[in-house]
Amino acid sequence: MDRWVPAGLPAVALDSSSFWSALLRHPWGLLALLCLVQTLCWTVVPTLIDPAPPGDVVAGFMWGREWVLLTYKHPQLPGWLLEASHLLTGSFRWPQYLLAQLTISATFVLVYLLARDMLGQRRALAAVLLMPSVYFFGWPTPQFNHDYAQMPFWAAICWLLWRA
């Protein structure tokens, strides 16, 4: 399955020493590049242009400040992580965006691991490279909430159940 070649690209071209063929031979490099670009873009740009944090982030800061174990609403992991980032970095806004992108990047890696076991390295890479085209992995990602905090856990559960 790892001999898959994109349409229109001759199989001989993959043996050349070009940058793209090297990335296709070593998908981890392209996956790391995707995670780096995702993290940098969606951390820096919202920090520069958003006048205030998203609503769920503000609620997370308020819930996290109390360090409550259980409430009627949600588990407290996002609130705790937001409060920990506030205690570590002060009142800057960039850590809340970074937390969201770290969970997205972890999800990319775990989906790649699952898809690699099912489809092979190149098709797994294609699957992960298509993920940012889904709305949920793009525009709303600066809002770190329960939806984003649980994504790596669900991806890890799927991968670990597949491996079991």
N, C-alpha and C. Protein backbone atom coordinates (compact mmCIF):
# COMPACT_ATOMS: atom_id res chain seq x y z
N MET A 1 0.81 -1.20 0.00
CA MET A 1 0.00 0.00 0.00
C MET A 1 0.84 1.26 0.00
N ASP A 2 2.09 1.15 0.41
CA ASP A 2 2.93 2.34 0.48
C ASP A 2 3.49 2.73 -0.88
N ARG A 3 3.11 2.04 -1.94
CA ARG A 3 3.59 2.39 -3.27
C ARG A 3 2.62 3.30 -3.99
N TRP A 4 1.65 3.84 -3.27
CA TRP A 4 0.66 4.74 -3.85
C TRP A 4 1.33 6.00 -4.35
N VAL A 5 0.95 6.42 -5.56
CA VAL A 5 1.50 7.62 -6.19
C VAL A 5 0.34 8.54 -6.54
N PRO A 6 0.44 9.84 -6.23
CA PRO A 6 -0.64 10.77 -6.60
C PRO A 6 -0.88 10.76 -8.10
N ALA A 7 -2.14 10.98 -8.50
CA ALA A 7 -2.50 10.99 -9.91
C ALA A 7 -1.69 12.03 -10.66
N GLY A 8 -1.20 11.66 -11.84
CA GLY A 8 -0.45 12.59 -12.67
C GLY A 8 1.02 12.65 -12.34
N LEU A 9 1.46 11.97 -11.29
CA LEU A 9 2.87 11.98 -10.91
C LEU A 9 3.44 10.61 -11.25
N PRO A 10 4.41 10.57 -12.16
CA PRO A 10 4.98 9.26 -12.52
C PRO A 10 5.72 8.65 -11.33
N ALA A 11 5.70 7.34 -11.28
CA ALA A 11 6.33 6.64 -10.17
C ALA A 11 7.83 6.89 -10.13
N VAL A 12 8.44 7.18 -11.27
CA VAL A 12 9.87 7.45 -11.33
C VAL A 12 10.21 8.73 -10.58
N ALA A 13 9.29 9.68 -10.58
CA ALA A 13 9.57 10.98 -9.94
C ALA A 13 9.76 10.84 -8.44
N LEU A 14 9.22 9.80 -7.85
CA LEU A 14 9.38 9.62 -6.41
C LEU A 14 10.80 9.22 -6.04
N ASP A 15 11.56 8.70 -6.99
CA ASP A 15 12.92 8.28 -6.70
C ASP A 15 13.93 9.42 -6.83
N SER A 16 13.51 10.57 -7.30
CA SER A 16 14.44 11.69 -7.43
C SER A 16 14.75 12.26 -6.06
N SER A 17 15.71 13.17 -6.02
CA SER A 17 16.14 13.73 -4.74
C SER A 17 15.49 15.07 -4.46
N SER A 18 14.31 15.30 -4.98
CA SER A 18 13.65 16.58 -4.75
C SER A 18 13.08 16.64 -3.33
N PHE A 19 12.75 17.84 -2.92
CA PHE A 19 12.21 18.08 -1.59
C PHE A 19 10.91 17.32 -1.37
N TRP A 20 10.00 17.37 -2.35
CA TRP A 20 8.70 16.74 -2.19
C TRP A 20 8.80 15.23 -2.16
N SER A 21 9.68 14.67 -2.97
CA SER A 21 9.83 13.21 -2.93
C SER A 21 10.42 12.77 -1.59
N ALA A 22 11.31 13.59 -1.03
CA ALA A 22 11.85 13.26 0.29
C ALA A 22 10.75 13.29 1.34
N LEU A 23 9.84 14.27 1.23
CA LEU A 23 8.73 14.32 2.19
C LEU A 23 7.78 13.15 2.01
N LEU A 24 7.58 12.70 0.78
CA LEU A 24 6.71 11.54 0.56
C LEU A 24 7.37 10.26 1.06
N ARG A 25 8.70 10.20 0.99
CA ARG A 25 9.39 9.02 1.51
C ARG A 25 9.41 9.01 3.04
N HIS A 26 9.37 10.19 3.65
CA HIS A 26 9.40 10.31 5.11
C HIS A 26 8.21 11.14 5.57
N PRO A 27 7.04 10.52 5.68
CA PRO A 27 5.82 11.27 5.99
C PRO A 27 5.85 11.98 7.33
N TRP A 28 6.68 11.53 8.27
CA TRP A 28 6.73 12.19 9.57
C TRP A 28 7.18 13.63 9.43
N GLY A 29 8.04 13.90 8.47
CA GLY A 29 8.50 15.28 8.25
C GLY A 29 7.38 16.19 7.81
N LEU A 30 6.56 15.70 6.88
CA LEU A 30 5.43 16.50 6.41
C LEU A 30 4.37 16.63 7.49
N LEU A 31 4.18 15.59 8.28
CA LEU A 31 3.23 15.67 9.39
C LEU A 31 3.71 16.69 10.43
N ALA A 32 5.00 16.69 10.72
CA ALA A 32 5.55 17.68 11.66
C ALA A 32 5.41 19.09 11.10
N LEU A 33 5.62 19.25 9.79
CA LEU A 33 5.46 20.55 9.16
C LEU A 33 4.02 21.03 9.24
N LEU A 34 3.06 20.12 9.00
CA LEU A 34 1.64 20.47 9.12
C LEU A 34 1.32 20.92 10.54
N CYS A 35 1.78 20.17 11.54
CA CYS A 35 1.51 20.53 12.93
C CYS A 35 2.14 21.87 13.29
N LEU A 36 3.35 22.11 12.80
CA LEU A 36 4.03 23.37 13.09
C LEU A 36 3.30 24.55 12.46
N VAL A 37 2.90 24.41 11.20
CA VAL A 37 2.18 25.49 10.52
C VAL A 37 0.83 25.74 11.18
N GLN A 38 0.12 24.68 11.50
CA GLN A 38 -1.18 24.80 12.17
C GLN A 38 -1.02 25.54 13.50
N THR A 39 -0.03 25.14 14.27
CA THR A 39 0.18 25.74 15.59
C THR A 39 0.60 27.20 15.47
N LEU A 40 1.53 27.49 14.60
CA LEU A 40 2.00 28.87 14.47
C LEU A 40 0.92 29.80 13.93
N CYS A 41 0.27 29.38 12.84
CA CYS A 41 -0.74 30.26 12.22
C CYS A 41 -1.90 30.53 13.16
N TRP A 42 -2.44 29.46 13.76
CA TRP A 42 -3.64 29.63 14.57
C TRP A 42 -3.34 30.06 16.00
N THR A 43 -2.07 30.26 16.33
CA THR A 43 -1.71 30.88 17.61
C THR A 43 -1.37 32.35 17.41
N VAL A 44 -0.57 32.65 16.41
CA VAL A 44 -0.10 34.02 16.20
C VAL A 44 -1.20 34.92 15.66
N VAL A 45 -1.90 34.49 14.62
CA VAL A 45 -2.89 35.36 13.97
C VAL A 45 -4.02 35.76 14.92
N PRO A 46 -4.68 34.82 15.63
CA PRO A 46 -5.72 35.27 16.57
C PRO A 46 -5.19 36.15 17.70
N THR A 47 -3.95 35.90 18.13
CA THR A 47 -3.37 36.74 19.17
C THR A 47 -3.26 38.18 18.69
N LEU A 48 -2.93 38.36 17.43
CA LEU A 48 -2.75 39.71 16.89
C LEU A 48 -4.06 40.41 16.54
N ILE A 49 -5.08 39.66 16.11
CA ILE A 49 -6.27 40.34 15.58
C ILE A 49 -7.51 40.24 16.46
N ASP A 50 -7.60 39.27 17.36
CA ASP A 50 -8.80 39.16 18.19
C ASP A 50 -8.76 40.18 19.32
N PRO A 51 -9.83 40.98 19.48
CA PRO A 51 -9.84 41.97 20.55
C PRO A 51 -10.07 41.36 21.93
N ALA A 52 -10.70 40.19 21.97
CA ALA A 52 -11.00 39.55 23.26
C ALA A 52 -11.03 38.04 23.05
N PRO A 53 -10.87 37.27 24.11
CA PRO A 53 -10.95 35.82 23.97
C PRO A 53 -12.37 35.38 23.61
N PRO A 54 -12.51 34.23 22.96
CA PRO A 54 -13.84 33.70 22.67
C PRO A 54 -14.62 33.41 23.96
N GLY A 55 -15.93 33.34 23.84
CA GLY A 55 -16.80 33.17 25.01
C GLY A 55 -16.51 31.93 25.83
N ASP A 56 -16.30 30.79 25.17
CA ASP A 56 -16.02 29.56 25.91
C ASP A 56 -14.70 29.63 26.65
N VAL A 57 -13.76 30.38 26.11
CA VAL A 57 -12.46 30.53 26.78
C VAL A 57 -12.62 31.35 28.06
N VAL A 58 -13.42 32.40 27.99
CA VAL A 58 -13.66 33.22 29.19
C VAL A 58 -14.35 32.37 30.26
N ALA A 59 -15.34 31.58 29.85
CA ALA A 59 -16.01 30.69 30.81
C ALA A 59 -15.02 29.68 31.38
N GLY A 60 -14.13 29.16 30.53
CA GLY A 60 -13.11 28.22 31.01
C GLY A 60 -12.17 28.84 32.02
N PHE A 61 -11.79 30.10 31.78
CA PHE A 61 -10.95 30.80 32.76
C PHE A 61 -11.68 30.94 34.10
N MET A 62 -12.96 31.26 34.05
CA MET A 62 -13.72 31.43 35.29
C MET A 62 -13.90 30.11 36.03
N TRP A 63 -14.22 29.04 35.30
CA TRP A 63 -14.36 27.74 35.94
C TRP A 63 -13.02 27.24 36.47
N GLY A 64 -11.96 27.45 35.69
CA GLY A 64 -10.64 26.96 36.09
C GLY A 64 -10.08 27.65 37.31
N ARG A 65 -10.47 28.88 37.52
CA ARG A 65 -9.98 29.65 38.66
C ARG A 65 -10.39 29.02 39.99
N GLU A 66 -11.49 28.28 39.99
CA GLU A 66 -12.00 27.68 41.22
C GLU A 66 -11.40 26.30 41.52
N TRP A 67 -10.77 25.65 40.53
CA TRP A 67 -10.19 24.32 40.67
C TRP A 67 -11.20 23.30 41.21
N VAL A 68 -12.43 23.37 40.72
CA VAL A 68 -13.50 22.47 41.14
C VAL A 68 -13.30 21.11 40.48
N LEU A 69 -13.55 20.03 41.23
CA LEU A 69 -13.40 18.70 40.66
C LEU A 69 -14.55 18.34 39.73
N LEU A 70 -15.78 18.49 40.19
CA LEU A 70 -16.94 18.11 39.39
C LEU A 70 -18.00 19.20 39.46
N THR A 71 -18.68 19.41 38.35
CA THR A 71 -19.79 20.35 38.31
C THR A 71 -20.92 19.72 37.52
N TYR A 72 -22.03 20.41 37.45
CA TYR A 72 -23.17 19.92 36.69
C TYR A 72 -22.95 20.06 35.19
N LYS A 73 -21.97 20.85 34.78
CA LYS A 73 -21.85 21.20 33.37
C LYS A 73 -20.93 20.26 32.60
N HIS A 74 -19.64 20.28 32.88
CA HIS A 74 -18.65 19.53 32.11
C HIS A 74 -17.53 19.08 33.03
N PRO A 75 -16.73 18.11 32.56
CA PRO A 75 -15.46 17.87 33.26
C PRO A 75 -14.58 19.11 33.17
N GLN A 76 -13.69 19.26 34.11
CA GLN A 76 -12.98 20.53 34.25
C GLN A 76 -11.61 20.60 33.59
N LEU A 77 -11.22 19.63 32.79
CA LEU A 77 -9.88 19.65 32.19
C LEU A 77 -9.59 20.94 31.42
N PRO A 78 -10.46 21.42 30.54
CA PRO A 78 -10.14 22.67 29.82
C PRO A 78 -9.96 23.86 30.75
N GLY A 79 -10.81 23.97 31.76
CA GLY A 79 -10.67 25.06 32.71
C GLY A 79 -9.37 24.98 33.49
N TRP A 80 -9.00 23.78 33.90
CA TRP A 80 -7.74 23.61 34.62
C TRP A 80 -6.54 23.96 33.75
N LEU A 81 -6.58 23.51 32.49
CA LEU A 81 -5.47 23.82 31.58
C LEU A 81 -5.37 25.32 31.32
N LEU A 82 -6.52 25.97 31.15
CA LEU A 82 -6.50 27.42 30.94
C LEU A 82 -5.97 28.15 32.16
N GLU A 83 -6.39 27.73 33.34
CA GLU A 83 -5.90 28.38 34.56
C GLU A 83 -4.41 28.11 34.76
N ALA A 84 -3.97 26.90 34.46
CA ALA A 84 -2.54 26.60 34.57
C ALA A 84 -1.73 27.46 33.60
N SER A 85 -2.25 27.64 32.39
CA SER A 85 -1.54 28.51 31.43
C SER A 85 -1.53 29.95 31.91
N HIS A 86 -2.61 30.37 32.56
CA HIS A 86 -2.65 31.73 33.11
C HIS A 86 -1.64 31.90 34.24
N LEU A 87 -1.54 30.90 35.11
CA LEU A 87 -0.59 30.98 36.22
C LEU A 87 0.86 30.94 35.73
N LEU A 88 1.11 30.18 34.66
CA LEU A 88 2.47 30.06 34.15
C LEU A 88 2.93 31.26 33.33
N THR A 89 2.00 31.87 32.60
CA THR A 89 2.41 32.92 31.65
C THR A 89 1.85 34.29 31.97
N GLY A 90 0.96 34.39 32.92
CA GLY A 90 0.37 35.69 33.21
C GLY A 90 -0.87 35.93 32.37
N SER A 91 -1.22 37.18 32.22
CA SER A 91 -2.47 37.53 31.56
C SER A 91 -2.31 37.72 30.05
N PHE A 92 -1.49 36.93 29.43
CA PHE A 92 -1.36 36.98 27.97
C PHE A 92 -2.45 36.12 27.35
N ARG A 93 -2.80 36.43 26.11
CA ARG A 93 -3.84 35.65 25.44
C ARG A 93 -3.30 34.51 24.60
N TRP A 94 -2.04 34.56 24.20
CA TRP A 94 -1.53 33.54 23.30
C TRP A 94 -1.56 32.12 23.88
N PRO A 95 -1.41 31.88 25.20
CA PRO A 95 -1.43 30.49 25.67
C PRO A 95 -2.76 29.79 25.43
N GLN A 96 -3.88 30.52 25.48
CA GLN A 96 -5.17 29.87 25.24
C GLN A 96 -5.26 29.39 23.80
N TYR A 97 -4.70 30.16 22.87
CA TYR A 97 -4.68 29.73 21.47
C TYR A 97 -3.70 28.58 21.26
N LEU A 98 -2.58 28.63 21.96
CA LEU A 98 -1.59 27.56 21.85
C LEU A 98 -2.15 26.24 22.38
N LEU A 99 -2.88 26.27 23.48
CA LEU A 99 -3.49 25.04 24.02
C LEU A 99 -4.39 24.38 22.98
N ALA A 100 -5.21 25.18 22.33
CA ALA A 100 -6.12 24.62 21.32
C ALA A 100 -5.33 23.99 20.18
N GLN A 101 -4.27 24.64 19.75
CA GLN A 101 -3.51 24.11 18.62
C GLN A 101 -2.68 22.89 19.00
N LEU A 102 -2.27 22.81 20.24
CA LEU A 102 -1.57 21.60 20.69
C LEU A 102 -2.50 20.40 20.69
N THR A 103 -3.76 20.61 21.08
CA THR A 103 -4.71 19.50 21.03
C THR A 103 -5.03 19.11 19.59
N ILE A 104 -5.12 20.09 18.70
CA ILE A 104 -5.35 19.80 17.28
C ILE A 104 -4.17 19.02 16.71
N SER A 105 -2.95 19.46 17.01
CA SER A 105 -1.76 18.78 16.50
C SER A 105 -1.65 17.36 17.05
N ALA A 106 -1.97 17.18 18.32
CA ALA A 106 -1.97 15.83 18.89
C ALA A 106 -3.00 14.95 18.19
N THR A 107 -4.13 15.52 17.85
CA THR A 107 -5.16 14.78 17.12
C THR A 107 -4.65 14.39 15.74
N PHE A 108 -3.97 15.31 15.05
CA PHE A 108 -3.39 14.99 13.74
C PHE A 108 -2.44 13.79 13.85
N VAL A 109 -1.58 13.80 14.85
CA VAL A 109 -0.60 12.72 15.00
C VAL A 109 -1.31 11.40 15.29
N LEU A 110 -2.29 11.41 16.17
CA LEU A 110 -2.99 10.17 16.52
C LEU A 110 -3.83 9.64 15.36
N VAL A 111 -4.44 10.52 14.60
CA VAL A 111 -5.17 10.07 13.41
C VAL A 111 -4.20 9.49 12.39
N TYR A 112 -3.03 10.10 12.25
CA TYR A 112 -2.02 9.55 11.35
C TYR A 112 -1.62 8.13 11.78
N LEU A 113 -1.41 7.93 13.08
CA LEU A 113 -1.02 6.61 13.57
C LEU A 113 -2.10 5.56 13.28
N LEU A 114 -3.35 5.93 13.48
CA LEU A 114 -4.44 5.01 13.19
C LEU A 114 -4.53 4.73 11.69
N ALA A 115 -4.49 5.78 10.89
CA ALA A 115 -4.60 5.61 9.44
C ALA A 115 -3.39 4.87 8.88
N ARG A 116 -2.22 5.05 9.46
CA ARG A 116 -1.02 4.34 8.99
C ARG A 116 -1.19 2.84 9.18
N ASP A 117 -1.78 2.45 10.30
CA ASP A 117 -2.01 1.02 10.53
C ASP A 117 -3.03 0.46 9.55
N MET A 118 -4.00 1.27 9.16
CA MET A 118 -5.06 0.80 8.27
C MET A 118 -4.71 0.91 6.80
N LEU A 119 -4.05 2.02 6.41
CA LEU A 119 -3.90 2.36 5.00
C LEU A 119 -2.48 2.42 4.49
N GLY A 120 -1.51 2.47 5.36
CA GLY A 120 -0.13 2.68 4.94
C GLY A 120 0.27 4.13 5.15
N GLN A 121 1.58 4.39 5.05
CA GLN A 121 2.10 5.71 5.40
C GLN A 121 1.60 6.83 4.50
N ARG A 122 1.64 6.64 3.20
CA ARG A 122 1.30 7.75 2.29
C ARG A 122 -0.19 8.08 2.33
N ARG A 123 -1.01 7.07 2.37
CA ARG A 123 -2.46 7.35 2.43
C ARG A 123 -2.84 7.94 3.78
N ALA A 124 -2.17 7.52 4.83
CA ALA A 124 -2.40 8.12 6.15
C ALA A 124 -2.02 9.58 6.13
N LEU A 125 -0.91 9.89 5.48
CA LEU A 125 -0.49 11.28 5.36
C LEU A 125 -1.51 12.08 4.56
N ALA A 126 -2.03 11.50 3.49
CA ALA A 126 -3.06 12.19 2.70
C ALA A 126 -4.30 12.44 3.55
N ALA A 127 -4.68 11.48 4.37
CA ALA A 127 -5.85 11.65 5.24
C ALA A 127 -5.65 12.80 6.22
N VAL A 128 -4.47 12.88 6.81
CA VAL A 128 -4.21 13.94 7.78
C VAL A 128 -4.08 15.29 7.09
N LEU A 129 -3.49 15.32 5.89
CA LEU A 129 -3.37 16.58 5.17
C LEU A 129 -4.72 17.13 4.74
N LEU A 130 -5.72 16.27 4.62
CA LEU A 130 -7.07 16.72 4.28
C LEU A 130 -7.85 17.21 5.50
N MET A 131 -7.41 16.86 6.69
CA MET A 131 -8.16 17.25 7.89
C MET A 131 -8.31 18.75 8.07
N PRO A 132 -7.30 19.58 7.80
CA PRO A 132 -7.51 21.03 7.96
C PRO A 132 -8.54 21.62 7.01
N SER A 133 -8.92 20.87 5.98
CA SER A 133 -9.97 21.37 5.09
C SER A 133 -11.36 21.21 5.70
N VAL A 134 -11.47 20.44 6.77
CA VAL A 134 -12.73 20.31 7.49
C VAL A 134 -12.89 21.55 8.38
N TYR A 135 -14.06 22.13 8.37
CA TYR A 135 -14.31 23.38 9.09
C TYR A 135 -13.88 23.30 10.55
N PHE A 136 -14.15 22.19 11.19
CA PHE A 136 -13.89 22.05 12.62
C PHE A 136 -12.41 22.13 12.96
N PHE A 137 -11.53 21.86 11.99
CA PHE A 137 -10.08 21.92 12.21
C PHE A 137 -9.48 23.21 11.69
N GLY A 138 -10.29 24.17 11.33
CA GLY A 138 -9.80 25.42 10.78
C GLY A 138 -10.22 26.63 11.58
N TRP A 139 -11.21 27.32 11.09
CA TRP A 139 -11.61 28.62 11.63
C TRP A 139 -11.96 28.62 13.12
N PRO A 140 -12.73 27.66 13.64
CA PRO A 140 -13.09 27.75 15.07
C PRO A 140 -12.02 27.26 16.04
N THR A 141 -10.86 26.83 15.56
CA THR A 141 -9.86 26.24 16.47
C THR A 141 -9.29 27.18 17.52
N PRO A 142 -9.28 28.51 17.35
CA PRO A 142 -8.76 29.33 18.45
C PRO A 142 -9.59 29.26 19.73
N GLN A 143 -10.79 28.73 19.64
CA GLN A 143 -11.65 28.64 20.82
C GLN A 143 -11.37 27.32 21.54
N PHE A 144 -10.58 27.37 22.58
CA PHE A 144 -10.25 26.17 23.34
C PHE A 144 -11.40 25.87 24.30
N ASN A 145 -12.13 24.81 24.00
CA ASN A 145 -13.24 24.41 24.85
C ASN A 145 -13.23 22.89 24.99
N HIS A 146 -14.30 22.35 25.52
CA HIS A 146 -14.36 20.91 25.76
C HIS A 146 -14.29 20.10 24.47
N ASP A 147 -14.83 20.64 23.39
CA ASP A 147 -14.79 19.93 22.12
C ASP A 147 -13.35 19.67 21.69
N TYR A 148 -12.51 20.67 21.81
CA TYR A 148 -11.12 20.53 21.39
C TYR A 148 -10.27 19.79 22.41
N ALA A 149 -10.59 19.95 23.68
CA ALA A 149 -9.81 19.26 24.72
C ALA A 149 -9.99 17.75 24.64
N GLN A 150 -11.14 17.28 24.17
CA GLN A 150 -11.38 15.84 24.14
C GLN A 150 -10.94 15.17 22.84
N MET A 151 -10.65 15.94 21.80
CA MET A 151 -10.31 15.33 20.51
C MET A 151 -9.10 14.40 20.56
N PRO A 152 -7.98 14.78 21.19
CA PRO A 152 -6.86 13.83 21.21
C PRO A 152 -7.19 12.55 21.98
N PHE A 153 -8.02 12.67 23.00
CA PHE A 153 -8.38 11.48 23.76
C PHE A 153 -9.20 10.51 22.92
N TRP A 154 -10.16 11.02 22.15
CA TRP A 154 -10.96 10.14 21.30
C TRP A 154 -10.12 9.53 20.18
N ALA A 155 -9.21 10.31 19.62
CA ALA A 155 -8.33 9.76 18.59
C ALA A 155 -7.41 8.69 19.19
N ALA A 156 -6.93 8.92 20.40
CA ALA A 156 -6.07 7.94 21.07
C ALA A 156 -6.85 6.67 21.40
N ILE A 157 -8.09 6.83 21.85
CA ILE A 157 -8.91 5.66 22.16
C ILE A 157 -9.12 4.82 20.90
N CYS A 158 -9.45 5.46 19.79
CA CYS A 158 -9.65 4.73 18.53
C CYS A 158 -8.38 4.00 18.12
N TRP A 159 -7.24 4.68 18.19
CA TRP A 159 -5.98 4.06 17.79
C TRP A 159 -5.62 2.90 18.71
N LEU A 160 -5.78 3.09 20.02
CA LEU A 160 -5.42 2.03 20.96
C LEU A 160 -6.36 0.83 20.86
N LEU A 161 -7.64 1.08 20.61
CA LEU A 161 -8.56 -0.04 20.40
C LEU A 161 -8.22 -0.79 19.11
N TRP A 162 -7.80 -0.07 18.10
CA TRP A 162 -7.39 -0.72 16.85
C TRP A 162 -6.16 -1.60 17.10
N ARG A 163 -5.24 -1.10 17.91
CA ARG A 163 -4.00 -1.84 18.18
C ARG A 163 -4.22 -3.03 19.12
N ALA A 164 -5.30 -3.00 19.89
CA ALA A 164 -5.52 -4.04 20.90
C ALA A 164 -5.83 -5.40 20.32
